[in-house]
Amino acid sequence: LLHQPVQGGGNLRGPMEFIVRRNASIGDAVAASVVAQKLKEQGHAVIYQTHGSIHAVMRFCPHTDRLALPRGFVHVNLDGCYEKHPERCHRTFTDFFIGTANHALHGYGITLSHANALPVLVVSEETRAINQARFNQHPRPWIFCSPRSNNYAVRQAPDSFWVELAPLLPGTRFWMGQHPAPAGY
């Protein structure tokens, strides 16, 4: 049974269920899952709020108890925590996500550690075997190119960049764009 904080906050009687939100892009949602990981390590349950289209990926995150659409109350809101921050080019995503979470969780007497904070996605052994067999047909290393954000024009590289980059990359290149791949992919 999960308990709510003692009146006045600061001390928990036991594990609690926390709502964590990151409602932007697949990569950001996966990177922000380190907050769920650190909360789970302390014995708490996590409801992870993100855009419904990201649930297909986030369902493989072992540190979330439930996925939900972003709405209503949230304990830890990770939306916008680095996008306009003056140090965004000098700090890691983990610094921003854990730091923002620690600020939000301070009133509950919770501090999350940056140590070993690494996003994790886990697939079944059957899925792993199928994918391994498929990719083993291609020379390593396997390089997955995600050419642009579907939502943010500033997170895009023109196809001419990818054309110039292709001959410099060893192994097999996989194009993850939603438009046809340029030459070399």
N, C-alpha and C. Protein backbone atom coordinates (compact mmCIF):
# COMPACT_ATOMS: atom_id res chain seq x y z
N LEU A 1 0.85 -1.18 0.00
CA LEU A 1 0.00 0.00 0.00
C LEU A 1 0.88 1.23 0.00
N LEU A 2 0.60 2.16 -0.88
CA LEU A 2 1.38 3.38 -0.96
C LEU A 2 0.77 4.45 -0.07
N HIS A 3 1.63 5.20 0.60
CA HIS A 3 1.17 6.22 1.53
C HIS A 3 1.45 7.62 1.00
N GLN A 4 0.66 8.55 1.41
CA GLN A 4 0.88 9.95 1.09
C GLN A 4 1.82 10.54 2.15
N PRO A 5 2.46 11.68 1.88
CA PRO A 5 3.38 12.24 2.86
C PRO A 5 2.66 12.67 4.13
N VAL A 6 3.42 12.68 5.22
CA VAL A 6 2.90 13.13 6.50
C VAL A 6 2.49 14.59 6.37
N GLN A 7 1.46 15.01 7.11
CA GLN A 7 1.02 16.41 7.08
C GLN A 7 2.23 17.34 7.22
N GLY A 8 2.33 18.30 6.35
CA GLY A 8 3.45 19.24 6.39
C GLY A 8 4.58 18.83 5.47
N GLY A 9 4.55 17.63 4.95
CA GLY A 9 5.57 17.17 3.99
C GLY A 9 6.91 16.94 4.65
N GLY A 10 7.86 16.49 3.85
CA GLY A 10 9.22 16.31 4.31
C GLY A 10 9.55 14.90 4.75
N ASN A 11 8.62 14.16 5.32
CA ASN A 11 8.89 12.81 5.78
C ASN A 11 7.83 11.87 5.24
N LEU A 12 8.26 10.82 4.60
CA LEU A 12 7.33 9.83 4.08
C LEU A 12 7.15 8.71 5.10
N ARG A 13 5.94 8.20 5.22
CA ARG A 13 5.70 7.04 6.06
C ARG A 13 6.12 5.76 5.36
N GLY A 14 6.19 5.80 4.06
CA GLY A 14 6.56 4.63 3.29
C GLY A 14 6.63 5.01 1.83
N PRO A 15 6.73 4.02 0.97
CA PRO A 15 6.80 4.30 -0.47
C PRO A 15 5.58 5.09 -0.94
N MET A 16 5.79 5.88 -1.95
CA MET A 16 4.73 6.73 -2.49
C MET A 16 4.65 6.53 -3.99
N GLU A 17 3.53 6.89 -4.57
CA GLU A 17 3.38 6.85 -6.01
C GLU A 17 3.58 8.28 -6.53
N PHE A 18 4.57 8.45 -7.41
CA PHE A 18 4.88 9.76 -7.96
C PHE A 18 4.50 9.82 -9.43
N ILE A 19 4.04 10.99 -9.84
CA ILE A 19 3.71 11.25 -11.24
C ILE A 19 4.82 12.10 -11.82
N VAL A 20 5.45 11.56 -12.87
CA VAL A 20 6.55 12.23 -13.56
C VAL A 20 6.09 12.52 -14.98
N ARG A 21 6.37 13.74 -15.47
CA ARG A 21 5.93 14.11 -16.82
C ARG A 21 7.11 14.59 -17.67
N ARG A 22 7.19 14.01 -18.88
CA ARG A 22 8.04 14.55 -19.95
C ARG A 22 7.27 14.34 -21.24
N ASN A 23 6.73 15.43 -21.76
CA ASN A 23 5.80 15.35 -22.87
C ASN A 23 6.40 15.92 -24.14
N ALA A 24 7.59 15.54 -24.48
CA ALA A 24 8.18 16.04 -25.72
C ALA A 24 9.20 15.05 -26.24
N SER A 25 9.04 14.63 -27.42
CA SER A 25 9.93 13.78 -28.20
C SER A 25 10.30 12.46 -27.54
N ILE A 26 10.49 11.48 -28.37
CA ILE A 26 10.81 10.13 -27.89
C ILE A 26 12.13 10.13 -27.14
N GLY A 27 13.15 10.73 -27.73
CA GLY A 27 14.47 10.74 -27.09
C GLY A 27 14.46 11.40 -25.74
N ASP A 28 13.78 12.53 -25.62
CA ASP A 28 13.71 13.22 -24.34
C ASP A 28 12.95 12.39 -23.31
N ALA A 29 11.87 11.76 -23.73
CA ALA A 29 11.09 10.94 -22.79
C ALA A 29 11.92 9.76 -22.29
N VAL A 30 12.68 9.14 -23.18
CA VAL A 30 13.54 8.03 -22.76
C VAL A 30 14.64 8.54 -21.83
N ALA A 31 15.29 9.65 -22.21
CA ALA A 31 16.36 10.21 -21.38
C ALA A 31 15.84 10.59 -19.99
N ALA A 32 14.64 11.16 -19.93
CA ALA A 32 14.07 11.59 -18.65
C ALA A 32 13.63 10.42 -17.78
N SER A 33 13.58 9.23 -18.35
CA SER A 33 13.17 8.06 -17.56
C SER A 33 14.16 7.73 -16.45
N VAL A 34 15.33 8.39 -16.45
CA VAL A 34 16.28 8.19 -15.35
C VAL A 34 15.66 8.63 -14.03
N VAL A 35 14.74 9.58 -14.08
CA VAL A 35 14.05 10.01 -12.86
C VAL A 35 13.19 8.87 -12.32
N ALA A 36 12.47 8.19 -13.21
CA ALA A 36 11.67 7.03 -12.79
C ALA A 36 12.58 5.95 -12.22
N GLN A 37 13.72 5.73 -12.86
CA GLN A 37 14.68 4.73 -12.39
C GLN A 37 15.10 5.03 -10.95
N LYS A 38 15.47 6.27 -10.69
CA LYS A 38 15.96 6.64 -9.36
C LYS A 38 14.85 6.59 -8.31
N LEU A 39 13.63 6.93 -8.69
CA LEU A 39 12.52 6.80 -7.75
C LEU A 39 12.24 5.33 -7.44
N LYS A 40 12.29 4.47 -8.46
CA LYS A 40 12.07 3.02 -8.25
C LYS A 40 13.16 2.44 -7.34
N GLU A 41 14.40 2.90 -7.50
CA GLU A 41 15.49 2.42 -6.65
C GLU A 41 15.21 2.71 -5.18
N GLN A 42 14.45 3.76 -4.90
CA GLN A 42 14.10 4.11 -3.52
C GLN A 42 12.78 3.48 -3.08
N GLY A 43 12.20 2.64 -3.95
CA GLY A 43 11.01 1.89 -3.59
C GLY A 43 9.69 2.53 -3.94
N HIS A 44 9.71 3.64 -4.67
CA HIS A 44 8.48 4.34 -5.02
C HIS A 44 7.90 3.83 -6.33
N ALA A 45 6.62 3.99 -6.51
CA ALA A 45 5.95 3.67 -7.76
C ALA A 45 5.96 4.92 -8.63
N VAL A 46 5.93 4.72 -9.96
CA VAL A 46 5.99 5.85 -10.89
C VAL A 46 4.93 5.73 -11.97
N ILE A 47 4.13 6.78 -12.08
CA ILE A 47 3.24 6.96 -13.23
C ILE A 47 3.97 7.93 -14.13
N TYR A 48 4.22 7.54 -15.36
CA TYR A 48 4.99 8.36 -16.29
C TYR A 48 4.04 8.95 -17.32
N GLN A 49 3.92 10.27 -17.30
CA GLN A 49 3.04 10.95 -18.25
C GLN A 49 3.85 11.42 -19.45
N THR A 50 3.40 11.02 -20.63
CA THR A 50 4.03 11.46 -21.87
C THR A 50 3.01 11.36 -22.99
N HIS A 51 3.35 11.93 -24.11
CA HIS A 51 2.45 11.92 -25.27
C HIS A 51 2.12 10.48 -25.65
N GLY A 52 0.89 10.23 -26.04
CA GLY A 52 0.45 8.88 -26.37
C GLY A 52 1.28 8.19 -27.44
N SER A 53 1.81 8.95 -28.40
CA SER A 53 2.61 8.34 -29.46
C SER A 53 3.95 7.82 -28.94
N ILE A 54 4.35 8.27 -27.77
CA ILE A 54 5.63 7.83 -27.19
C ILE A 54 5.45 6.58 -26.34
N HIS A 55 4.21 6.26 -25.99
CA HIS A 55 3.95 5.07 -25.17
C HIS A 55 4.47 3.79 -25.81
N ALA A 56 4.46 3.74 -27.14
CA ALA A 56 4.93 2.53 -27.84
C ALA A 56 6.38 2.22 -27.51
N VAL A 57 7.18 3.24 -27.24
CA VAL A 57 8.58 3.05 -26.85
C VAL A 57 8.69 2.92 -25.33
N MET A 58 8.01 3.80 -24.61
CA MET A 58 8.15 3.84 -23.16
C MET A 58 7.60 2.59 -22.46
N ARG A 59 6.80 1.81 -23.15
CA ARG A 59 6.30 0.58 -22.52
C ARG A 59 7.44 -0.41 -22.25
N PHE A 60 8.60 -0.16 -22.85
CA PHE A 60 9.76 -1.01 -22.63
C PHE A 60 10.65 -0.51 -21.49
N CYS A 61 10.24 0.57 -20.84
CA CYS A 61 10.99 1.11 -19.71
C CYS A 61 10.57 0.35 -18.45
N PRO A 62 11.50 -0.39 -17.83
CA PRO A 62 11.13 -1.21 -16.68
C PRO A 62 10.88 -0.42 -15.40
N HIS A 63 11.15 0.88 -15.42
CA HIS A 63 11.03 1.67 -14.19
C HIS A 63 9.72 2.43 -14.07
N THR A 64 8.81 2.22 -14.99
CA THR A 64 7.52 2.87 -14.89
C THR A 64 6.45 1.82 -14.55
N ASP A 65 5.58 2.18 -13.63
CA ASP A 65 4.51 1.27 -13.25
C ASP A 65 3.31 1.42 -14.16
N ARG A 66 3.15 2.64 -14.69
CA ARG A 66 2.01 2.91 -15.56
C ARG A 66 2.33 4.11 -16.44
N LEU A 67 1.87 4.07 -17.67
CA LEU A 67 1.99 5.20 -18.58
C LEU A 67 0.65 5.92 -18.61
N ALA A 68 0.71 7.24 -18.75
CA ALA A 68 -0.52 8.03 -18.80
C ALA A 68 -0.32 9.22 -19.73
N LEU A 69 -1.42 9.78 -20.17
CA LEU A 69 -1.35 11.01 -20.96
C LEU A 69 -1.12 12.19 -20.03
N PRO A 70 -0.44 13.22 -20.52
CA PRO A 70 -0.15 14.39 -19.68
C PRO A 70 -1.41 15.19 -19.38
N ARG A 71 -1.81 15.17 -18.14
CA ARG A 71 -2.94 15.99 -17.70
C ARG A 71 -2.97 15.99 -16.19
N GLY A 72 -3.49 17.06 -15.65
CA GLY A 72 -3.69 17.15 -14.21
C GLY A 72 -2.41 17.33 -13.42
N PHE A 73 -2.51 16.99 -12.15
CA PHE A 73 -1.43 17.16 -11.19
C PHE A 73 -0.21 16.32 -11.57
N VAL A 74 0.95 16.84 -11.27
CA VAL A 74 2.20 16.13 -11.48
C VAL A 74 3.16 16.47 -10.35
N HIS A 75 3.88 15.47 -9.84
CA HIS A 75 4.88 15.72 -8.80
C HIS A 75 6.16 16.30 -9.40
N VAL A 76 6.58 15.73 -10.53
CA VAL A 76 7.83 16.13 -11.17
C VAL A 76 7.54 16.45 -12.63
N ASN A 77 7.62 17.73 -12.97
CA ASN A 77 7.38 18.16 -14.34
C ASN A 77 8.72 18.45 -15.01
N LEU A 78 9.11 17.60 -15.94
CA LEU A 78 10.40 17.74 -16.62
C LEU A 78 10.28 18.48 -17.95
N ASP A 79 9.08 18.90 -18.31
CA ASP A 79 8.88 19.64 -19.55
C ASP A 79 9.61 20.98 -19.47
N GLY A 80 10.38 21.28 -20.48
CA GLY A 80 11.06 22.57 -20.57
C GLY A 80 12.21 22.78 -19.62
N CYS A 81 12.68 21.73 -18.95
CA CYS A 81 13.70 21.94 -17.92
C CYS A 81 15.08 22.30 -18.49
N TYR A 82 15.34 22.00 -19.74
CA TYR A 82 16.64 22.39 -20.30
C TYR A 82 16.54 23.28 -21.53
N GLU A 83 15.41 23.29 -22.20
CA GLU A 83 15.30 23.93 -23.52
C GLU A 83 15.77 25.38 -23.54
N LYS A 84 15.47 26.15 -22.53
CA LYS A 84 15.86 27.57 -22.52
C LYS A 84 16.86 27.89 -21.42
N HIS A 85 17.38 26.87 -20.78
CA HIS A 85 18.33 27.07 -19.68
C HIS A 85 19.64 27.61 -20.23
N PRO A 86 20.25 28.60 -19.60
CA PRO A 86 21.50 29.18 -20.12
C PRO A 86 22.67 28.20 -20.19
N GLU A 87 22.63 27.12 -19.44
CA GLU A 87 23.72 26.14 -19.45
C GLU A 87 23.41 24.91 -20.29
N ARG A 88 22.37 24.99 -21.14
CA ARG A 88 21.92 23.81 -21.89
C ARG A 88 23.00 23.23 -22.79
N CYS A 89 23.98 24.00 -23.20
CA CYS A 89 25.05 23.49 -24.06
C CYS A 89 26.23 22.96 -23.27
N HIS A 90 26.16 23.06 -21.95
CA HIS A 90 27.31 22.69 -21.12
C HIS A 90 27.00 21.63 -20.08
N ARG A 91 25.76 21.20 -19.99
CA ARG A 91 25.37 20.19 -19.02
C ARG A 91 24.65 19.05 -19.72
N THR A 92 24.59 17.91 -19.07
CA THR A 92 23.96 16.75 -19.67
C THR A 92 22.45 16.74 -19.38
N PHE A 93 21.73 15.96 -20.20
CA PHE A 93 20.31 15.77 -19.95
C PHE A 93 20.09 15.25 -18.53
N THR A 94 20.92 14.31 -18.12
CA THR A 94 20.77 13.73 -16.79
C THR A 94 20.87 14.80 -15.72
N ASP A 95 21.82 15.73 -15.86
CA ASP A 95 21.94 16.82 -14.88
C ASP A 95 20.63 17.61 -14.79
N PHE A 96 20.07 17.94 -15.94
CA PHE A 96 18.83 18.72 -15.94
C PHE A 96 17.67 17.93 -15.37
N PHE A 97 17.50 16.68 -15.81
CA PHE A 97 16.35 15.91 -15.37
C PHE A 97 16.43 15.57 -13.87
N ILE A 98 17.57 15.10 -13.41
CA ILE A 98 17.72 14.76 -11.99
C ILE A 98 17.66 16.03 -11.14
N GLY A 99 18.31 17.09 -11.60
CA GLY A 99 18.28 18.35 -10.85
C GLY A 99 16.88 18.91 -10.70
N THR A 100 16.11 18.89 -11.78
CA THR A 100 14.73 19.37 -11.74
C THR A 100 13.90 18.49 -10.81
N ALA A 101 14.10 17.19 -10.89
CA ALA A 101 13.37 16.26 -10.01
C ALA A 101 13.72 16.51 -8.55
N ASN A 102 15.00 16.70 -8.26
CA ASN A 102 15.40 16.94 -6.87
C ASN A 102 14.76 18.22 -6.32
N HIS A 103 14.68 19.22 -7.15
CA HIS A 103 14.03 20.46 -6.72
C HIS A 103 12.54 20.20 -6.40
N ALA A 104 11.87 19.46 -7.27
CA ALA A 104 10.45 19.16 -7.08
C ALA A 104 10.20 18.23 -5.90
N LEU A 105 11.12 17.32 -5.62
CA LEU A 105 10.93 16.32 -4.58
C LEU A 105 11.48 16.73 -3.22
N HIS A 106 12.11 17.89 -3.17
CA HIS A 106 12.72 18.36 -1.93
C HIS A 106 11.72 18.37 -0.77
N GLY A 107 10.52 18.83 -1.02
CA GLY A 107 9.49 18.89 0.02
C GLY A 107 9.07 17.53 0.56
N TYR A 108 9.40 16.48 -0.17
CA TYR A 108 9.08 15.11 0.27
C TYR A 108 10.27 14.46 0.97
N GLY A 109 11.36 15.22 1.11
CA GLY A 109 12.56 14.67 1.74
C GLY A 109 13.28 13.67 0.87
N ILE A 110 13.12 13.78 -0.45
CA ILE A 110 13.73 12.84 -1.38
C ILE A 110 14.81 13.54 -2.20
N THR A 111 15.95 12.88 -2.30
CA THR A 111 17.05 13.34 -3.16
C THR A 111 17.44 12.17 -4.05
N LEU A 112 17.50 12.43 -5.34
CA LEU A 112 17.89 11.40 -6.30
C LEU A 112 19.36 11.59 -6.66
N SER A 113 20.05 10.49 -6.81
CA SER A 113 21.48 10.51 -7.15
C SER A 113 21.67 10.51 -8.66
N HIS A 114 22.71 11.21 -9.11
CA HIS A 114 23.09 11.20 -10.52
C HIS A 114 23.85 9.92 -10.88
N ALA A 115 24.39 9.24 -9.88
CA ALA A 115 25.25 8.07 -10.12
C ALA A 115 24.49 6.98 -10.86
N ASN A 116 25.10 6.44 -11.89
CA ASN A 116 24.57 5.34 -12.68
C ASN A 116 23.17 5.62 -13.22
N ALA A 117 22.87 6.86 -13.51
CA ALA A 117 21.58 7.22 -14.10
C ALA A 117 21.70 7.04 -15.61
N LEU A 118 21.15 5.95 -16.09
CA LEU A 118 21.25 5.60 -17.50
C LEU A 118 19.89 5.11 -17.97
N PRO A 119 19.33 5.72 -19.02
CA PRO A 119 18.03 5.24 -19.50
C PRO A 119 18.11 3.77 -19.91
N VAL A 120 17.06 3.03 -19.58
CA VAL A 120 17.03 1.60 -19.87
C VAL A 120 15.71 1.26 -20.56
N LEU A 121 15.80 0.53 -21.65
CA LEU A 121 14.63 -0.06 -22.30
C LEU A 121 14.89 -1.55 -22.40
N VAL A 122 13.89 -2.35 -22.07
CA VAL A 122 14.06 -3.80 -22.06
C VAL A 122 13.01 -4.43 -22.97
N VAL A 123 13.47 -5.27 -23.88
CA VAL A 123 12.54 -6.00 -24.75
C VAL A 123 12.60 -7.48 -24.38
N SER A 124 11.61 -8.22 -24.80
CA SER A 124 11.56 -9.65 -24.49
C SER A 124 12.70 -10.37 -25.21
N GLU A 125 13.04 -11.54 -24.72
CA GLU A 125 14.09 -12.35 -25.36
C GLU A 125 13.70 -12.71 -26.79
N GLU A 126 12.41 -12.96 -27.00
CA GLU A 126 11.93 -13.30 -28.34
C GLU A 126 12.15 -12.12 -29.30
N THR A 127 11.77 -10.93 -28.86
CA THR A 127 11.96 -9.73 -29.69
C THR A 127 13.45 -9.48 -29.93
N ARG A 128 14.25 -9.66 -28.89
CA ARG A 128 15.69 -9.47 -29.02
C ARG A 128 16.27 -10.45 -30.05
N ALA A 129 15.86 -11.69 -30.01
CA ALA A 129 16.37 -12.70 -30.94
C ALA A 129 15.97 -12.38 -32.38
N ILE A 130 14.73 -11.96 -32.57
CA ILE A 130 14.26 -11.61 -33.92
C ILE A 130 15.07 -10.44 -34.47
N ASN A 131 15.24 -9.40 -33.66
CA ASN A 131 16.00 -8.22 -34.11
C ASN A 131 17.47 -8.55 -34.33
N GLN A 132 18.03 -9.34 -33.45
CA GLN A 132 19.45 -9.72 -33.58
C GLN A 132 19.66 -10.46 -34.89
N ALA A 133 18.77 -11.40 -35.21
CA ALA A 133 18.89 -12.16 -36.45
C ALA A 133 18.79 -11.24 -37.66
N ARG A 134 17.89 -10.29 -37.57
CA ARG A 134 17.71 -9.35 -38.69
C ARG A 134 18.95 -8.47 -38.88
N PHE A 135 19.46 -7.91 -37.79
CA PHE A 135 20.60 -7.00 -37.90
C PHE A 135 21.91 -7.71 -38.17
N ASN A 136 22.04 -8.96 -37.73
CA ASN A 136 23.28 -9.71 -37.96
C ASN A 136 23.56 -9.93 -39.44
N GLN A 137 22.59 -9.69 -40.29
CA GLN A 137 22.79 -9.80 -41.74
C GLN A 137 23.63 -8.64 -42.28
N HIS A 138 23.83 -7.62 -41.47
CA HIS A 138 24.51 -6.40 -41.90
C HIS A 138 25.82 -6.22 -41.13
N PRO A 139 26.84 -5.68 -41.80
CA PRO A 139 28.12 -5.43 -41.10
C PRO A 139 27.95 -4.44 -39.95
N ARG A 140 28.72 -4.67 -38.89
CA ARG A 140 28.77 -3.75 -37.76
C ARG A 140 29.84 -2.71 -38.02
N PRO A 141 29.80 -1.57 -37.37
CA PRO A 141 28.79 -1.15 -36.41
C PRO A 141 27.49 -0.76 -37.10
N TRP A 142 26.42 -0.83 -36.35
CA TRP A 142 25.12 -0.43 -36.85
C TRP A 142 24.89 1.00 -36.40
N ILE A 143 24.66 1.88 -37.33
CA ILE A 143 24.47 3.29 -37.03
C ILE A 143 23.06 3.69 -37.45
N PHE A 144 22.30 4.19 -36.49
CA PHE A 144 20.93 4.58 -36.74
C PHE A 144 20.88 6.10 -36.83
N CYS A 145 20.47 6.60 -37.97
CA CYS A 145 20.42 8.04 -38.22
C CYS A 145 18.99 8.54 -38.08
N SER A 146 18.80 9.44 -37.15
CA SER A 146 17.50 10.07 -36.94
C SER A 146 17.65 11.52 -37.39
N PRO A 147 17.25 11.82 -38.62
CA PRO A 147 17.63 13.07 -39.25
C PRO A 147 16.96 14.34 -38.74
N ARG A 148 15.79 14.20 -38.13
CA ARG A 148 15.13 15.43 -37.72
C ARG A 148 14.02 15.15 -36.72
N SER A 149 13.72 16.17 -35.99
CA SER A 149 12.58 16.14 -35.08
C SER A 149 11.32 16.39 -35.89
N ASN A 150 10.27 15.71 -35.54
CA ASN A 150 8.99 15.96 -36.22
C ASN A 150 8.31 17.21 -35.69
N ASN A 151 8.80 17.73 -34.57
CA ASN A 151 8.12 18.84 -33.92
C ASN A 151 8.93 20.14 -33.83
N TYR A 152 10.25 20.04 -33.89
CA TYR A 152 11.08 21.21 -33.68
C TYR A 152 12.02 21.42 -34.85
N ALA A 153 11.81 22.49 -35.59
CA ALA A 153 12.63 22.77 -36.77
C ALA A 153 14.10 22.99 -36.42
N VAL A 154 14.38 23.45 -35.21
CA VAL A 154 15.78 23.69 -34.82
C VAL A 154 16.53 22.40 -34.56
N ARG A 155 15.84 21.28 -34.51
CA ARG A 155 16.48 19.98 -34.27
C ARG A 155 16.50 19.18 -35.57
N GLN A 156 16.98 19.81 -36.61
CA GLN A 156 17.01 19.14 -37.90
C GLN A 156 18.35 19.38 -38.57
N ALA A 157 18.77 18.40 -39.32
CA ALA A 157 19.94 18.56 -40.17
C ALA A 157 19.44 18.33 -41.59
N PRO A 158 19.85 19.16 -42.53
CA PRO A 158 19.38 18.98 -43.91
C PRO A 158 19.91 17.67 -44.49
N ASP A 159 19.20 17.13 -45.46
CA ASP A 159 19.61 15.88 -46.08
C ASP A 159 21.02 15.99 -46.67
N SER A 160 21.43 17.17 -47.11
CA SER A 160 22.79 17.34 -47.67
C SER A 160 23.85 17.00 -46.62
N PHE A 161 23.58 17.28 -45.35
CA PHE A 161 24.50 16.92 -44.26
C PHE A 161 24.66 15.40 -44.20
N TRP A 162 23.53 14.68 -44.26
CA TRP A 162 23.56 13.22 -44.15
C TRP A 162 24.24 12.60 -45.37
N VAL A 163 24.09 13.20 -46.54
CA VAL A 163 24.75 12.71 -47.76
C VAL A 163 26.26 12.83 -47.60
N GLU A 164 26.74 13.96 -47.06
CA GLU A 164 28.18 14.15 -46.85
C GLU A 164 28.72 13.24 -45.75
N LEU A 165 27.91 12.97 -44.74
CA LEU A 165 28.34 12.16 -43.61
C LEU A 165 28.42 10.67 -43.96
N ALA A 166 27.53 10.18 -44.79
CA ALA A 166 27.43 8.75 -45.09
C ALA A 166 28.77 8.08 -45.42
N PRO A 167 29.60 8.62 -46.34
CA PRO A 167 30.85 7.93 -46.68
C PRO A 167 31.85 7.89 -45.53
N LEU A 168 31.66 8.72 -44.52
CA LEU A 168 32.58 8.77 -43.39
C LEU A 168 32.24 7.76 -42.30
N LEU A 169 31.06 7.17 -42.39
CA LEU A 169 30.60 6.25 -41.36
C LEU A 169 30.87 4.81 -41.74
N PRO A 170 31.51 4.05 -40.84
CA PRO A 170 31.74 2.63 -41.11
C PRO A 170 30.48 1.81 -40.86
N GLY A 171 30.51 0.57 -41.28
CA GLY A 171 29.40 -0.34 -40.97
C GLY A 171 28.16 -0.06 -41.78
N THR A 172 27.01 -0.35 -41.17
CA THR A 172 25.73 -0.21 -41.85
C THR A 172 24.95 0.95 -41.24
N ARG A 173 24.42 1.77 -42.12
CA ARG A 173 23.64 2.93 -41.69
C ARG A 173 22.16 2.63 -41.91
N PHE A 174 21.38 2.89 -40.87
CA PHE A 174 19.93 2.71 -40.94
C PHE A 174 19.27 4.07 -40.84
N TRP A 175 18.44 4.39 -41.80
CA TRP A 175 17.75 5.67 -41.87
C TRP A 175 16.45 5.58 -41.09
N MET A 176 16.27 6.45 -40.12
CA MET A 176 15.06 6.42 -39.29
C MET A 176 14.14 7.60 -39.59
N GLY A 177 14.41 8.30 -40.67
CA GLY A 177 13.56 9.41 -41.05
C GLY A 177 12.21 8.95 -41.56
N GLN A 178 11.26 9.84 -41.53
CA GLN A 178 9.93 9.52 -42.03
C GLN A 178 9.78 9.92 -43.49
N HIS A 179 10.86 10.27 -44.10
CA HIS A 179 10.88 10.57 -45.53
C HIS A 179 11.97 9.71 -46.16
N PRO A 180 11.98 9.55 -47.46
CA PRO A 180 12.98 8.68 -48.10
C PRO A 180 14.41 9.06 -47.75
N ALA A 181 15.24 8.04 -47.58
CA ALA A 181 16.64 8.27 -47.22
C ALA A 181 17.41 8.84 -48.40
N PRO A 182 18.36 9.74 -48.11
CA PRO A 182 19.21 10.23 -49.19
C PRO A 182 20.23 9.16 -49.57
N ALA A 183 21.00 9.42 -50.59
CA ALA A 183 22.02 8.46 -51.07
C ALA A 183 22.95 8.07 -49.92
N GLY A 184 23.28 6.79 -49.84
CA GLY A 184 24.22 6.30 -48.85
C GLY A 184 23.58 5.65 -47.64
N TYR A 185 22.24 5.63 -47.59
CA TYR A 185 21.56 5.05 -46.43
C TYR A 185 20.63 3.94 -46.86
